[in-house]
Amino acid sequence: MQALPLNIPRYPMLRFVARHGRNLVLAIAIVLLAAGVAMLAQMPSAIPGAIAIGAAVVVFVVGRALVEMVELITDMLLPK
């Protein structure tokens, strides 16, 4: 078996996102959702709260898709 060269790029951010990305996206979406609920409760207009809740949903869906793409890249292309 041939040894791997020593100068293989490590891509620490890809590994970080693959390891912690799902939890980070969930935490960001929960914070946005909580902010939206707080806005709905405190503000006389429901529009800012509804926008924040919609943003939480969009951030969660798009963030999870990006994390899954990074996981796919790390599984397929980076050496173990």
C-alpha atoms as a PDB file:
ATOM      1  CA  MET A   1       0.000   0.000   0.000  1.00  0.00           C
ATOM      2  CA  GLN A   2       1.281   3.427  -0.931  1.00  0.00           C
ATOM      3  CA  ALA A   3       1.695   6.022   1.817  1.00  0.00           C
ATOM      4  CA  LEU A   4      -0.189   9.292   1.549  1.00  0.00           C
ATOM      5  CA  PRO A   5       1.879  12.431   0.932  1.00  0.00           C
ATOM      6  CA  LEU A   6       2.446  14.692   3.908  1.00  0.00           C
ATOM      7  CA  ASN A   7       1.233  17.856   2.192  1.00  0.00           C
ATOM      8  CA  ILE A   8      -2.452  16.869   1.920  1.00  0.00           C
ATOM      9  CA  PRO A   9      -4.692  19.848   2.696  1.00  0.00           C
ATOM     10  CA  ARG A  10      -6.621  19.378   5.941  1.00  0.00           C
ATOM     11  CA  TYR A  11      -9.590  21.767   5.334  1.00  0.00           C
ATOM     12  CA  PRO A  12     -10.340  22.478   8.988  1.00  0.00           C
ATOM     13  CA  MET A  13     -13.473  24.536   8.281  1.00  0.00           C
ATOM     14  CA  LEU A  14     -15.048  21.737   6.245  1.00  0.00           C
ATOM     15  CA  ARG A  15     -14.411  19.326   9.079  1.00  0.00           C
ATOM     16  CA  PHE A  16     -15.762  21.834  11.624  1.00  0.00           C
ATOM     17  CA  VAL A  17     -18.961  22.393   9.626  1.00  0.00           C
ATOM     18  CA  ALA A  18     -19.401  18.659   9.064  1.00  0.00           C
ATOM     19  CA  ARG A  19     -18.999  18.009  12.793  1.00  0.00           C
ATOM     20  CA  HIS A  20     -20.948  20.931  14.306  1.00  0.00           C
ATOM     21  CA  GLY A  21     -23.013  22.360  11.460  1.00  0.00           C
ATOM     22  CA  ARG A  22     -26.330  20.684  12.243  1.00  0.00           C
ATOM     23  CA  ASN A  23     -26.298  21.908  15.838  1.00  0.00           C
ATOM     24  CA  LEU A  24     -25.235  25.423  14.826  1.00  0.00           C
ATOM     25  CA  VAL A  25     -28.004  25.735  12.249  1.00  0.00           C
ATOM     26  CA  LEU A  26     -30.557  24.473  14.758  1.00  0.00           C
ATOM     27  CA  ALA A  27     -29.340  26.916  17.429  1.00  0.00           C
ATOM     28  CA  ILE A  28     -29.475  29.883  15.043  1.00  0.00           C
ATOM     29  CA  ALA A  29     -32.972  28.933  13.888  1.00  0.00           C
ATOM     30  CA  ILE A  30     -34.178  28.559  17.489  1.00  0.00           C
ATOM     31  CA  VAL A  31     -32.782  31.991  18.401  1.00  0.00           C
ATOM     32  CA  LEU A  32     -34.551  33.544  15.409  1.00  0.00           C
ATOM     33  CA  LEU A  33     -37.765  31.736  16.285  1.00  0.00           C
ATOM     34  CA  ALA A  34     -37.586  32.930  19.894  1.00  0.00           C
ATOM     35  CA  ALA A  35     -36.951  36.487  18.708  1.00  0.00           C
ATOM     36  CA  GLY A  36     -39.962  36.247  16.412  1.00  0.00           C
ATOM     37  CA  VAL A  37     -42.210  34.977  19.197  1.00  0.00           C
ATOM     38  CA  ALA A  38     -40.950  37.747  21.497  1.00  0.00           C
ATOM     39  CA  MET A  39     -41.672  40.316  18.800  1.00  0.00           C
ATOM     40  CA  LEU A  40     -45.174  38.932  18.338  1.00  0.00           C
ATOM     41  CA  ALA A  41     -45.803  39.220  22.068  1.00  0.00           C
ATOM     42  CA  GLN A  42     -44.284  42.679  22.588  1.00  0.00           C
ATOM     43  CA  MET A  43     -44.913  44.697  19.429  1.00  0.00           C
ATOM     44  CA  PRO A  44     -48.258  46.107  18.367  1.00  0.00           C
ATOM     45  CA  SER A  45     -47.676  44.988  14.768  1.00  0.00           C
ATOM     46  CA  ALA A  46     -47.368  41.297  13.927  1.00  0.00           C
ATOM     47  CA  ILE A  47     -45.344  41.875  10.761  1.00  0.00           C
ATOM     48  CA  PRO A  48     -41.806  41.935  12.294  1.00  0.00           C
ATOM     49  CA  GLY A  49     -42.515  38.806  14.329  1.00  0.00           C
ATOM     50  CA  ALA A  50     -43.903  36.980  11.322  1.00  0.00           C
ATOM     51  CA  ILE A  51     -40.869  37.987   9.265  1.00  0.00           C
ATOM     52  CA  ALA A  52     -38.515  36.703  11.987  1.00  0.00           C
ATOM     53  CA  ILE A  53     -40.394  33.398  12.213  1.00  0.00           C
ATOM     54  CA  GLY A  54     -40.291  33.040   8.424  1.00  0.00           C
ATOM     55  CA  ALA A  55     -36.580  33.848   8.477  1.00  0.00           C
ATOM     56  CA  ALA A  56     -36.052  31.121  11.090  1.00  0.00           C
ATOM     57  CA  VAL A  57     -37.673  28.566   8.799  1.00  0.00           C
ATOM     58  CA  VAL A  58     -35.630  29.713   5.787  1.00  0.00           C
ATOM     59  CA  VAL A  59     -32.379  29.716   7.783  1.00  0.00           C
ATOM     60  CA  PHE A  60     -33.078  26.212   9.053  1.00  0.00           C
ATOM     61  CA  VAL A  61     -33.898  24.743   5.630  1.00  0.00           C
ATOM     62  CA  VAL A  62     -31.091  26.467   3.717  1.00  0.00           C
ATOM     63  CA  GLY A  63     -28.577  25.910   6.518  1.00  0.00           C
ATOM     64  CA  ARG A  64     -29.346  22.188   6.732  1.00  0.00           C
ATOM     65  CA  ALA A  65     -28.996  21.875   2.955  1.00  0.00           C
ATOM     66  CA  LEU A  66     -25.597  23.565   3.041  1.00  0.00           C
ATOM     67  CA  VAL A  67     -24.437  21.405   5.951  1.00  0.00           C
ATOM     68  CA  GLU A  68     -25.506  18.268   4.095  1.00  0.00           C
ATOM     69  CA  MET A  69     -23.540  19.409   1.033  1.00  0.00           C
ATOM     70  CA  VAL A  70     -20.452  19.936   3.184  1.00  0.00           C
ATOM     71  CA  GLU A  71     -20.940  16.489   4.745  1.00  0.00           C
ATOM     72  CA  LEU A  72     -21.186  14.986   1.270  1.00  0.00           C
ATOM     73  CA  ILE A  73     -18.004  16.757   0.187  1.00  0.00           C
ATOM     74  CA  THR A  74     -16.087  15.599   3.239  1.00  0.00           C
ATOM     75  CA  ASP A  75     -17.317  12.010   2.876  1.00  0.00           C
ATOM     76  CA  MET A  76     -16.581  11.740  -0.833  1.00  0.00           C
ATOM     77  CA  LEU A  77     -13.499  13.847  -1.422  1.00  0.00           C
ATOM     78  CA  LEU A  78     -11.414  14.106   1.725  1.00  0.00           C
ATOM     79  CA  PRO A  79      -9.234  11.246   2.916  1.00  0.00           C
ATOM     80  CA  LYS A  80     -10.142   9.694   6.240  1.00  0.00           C
END
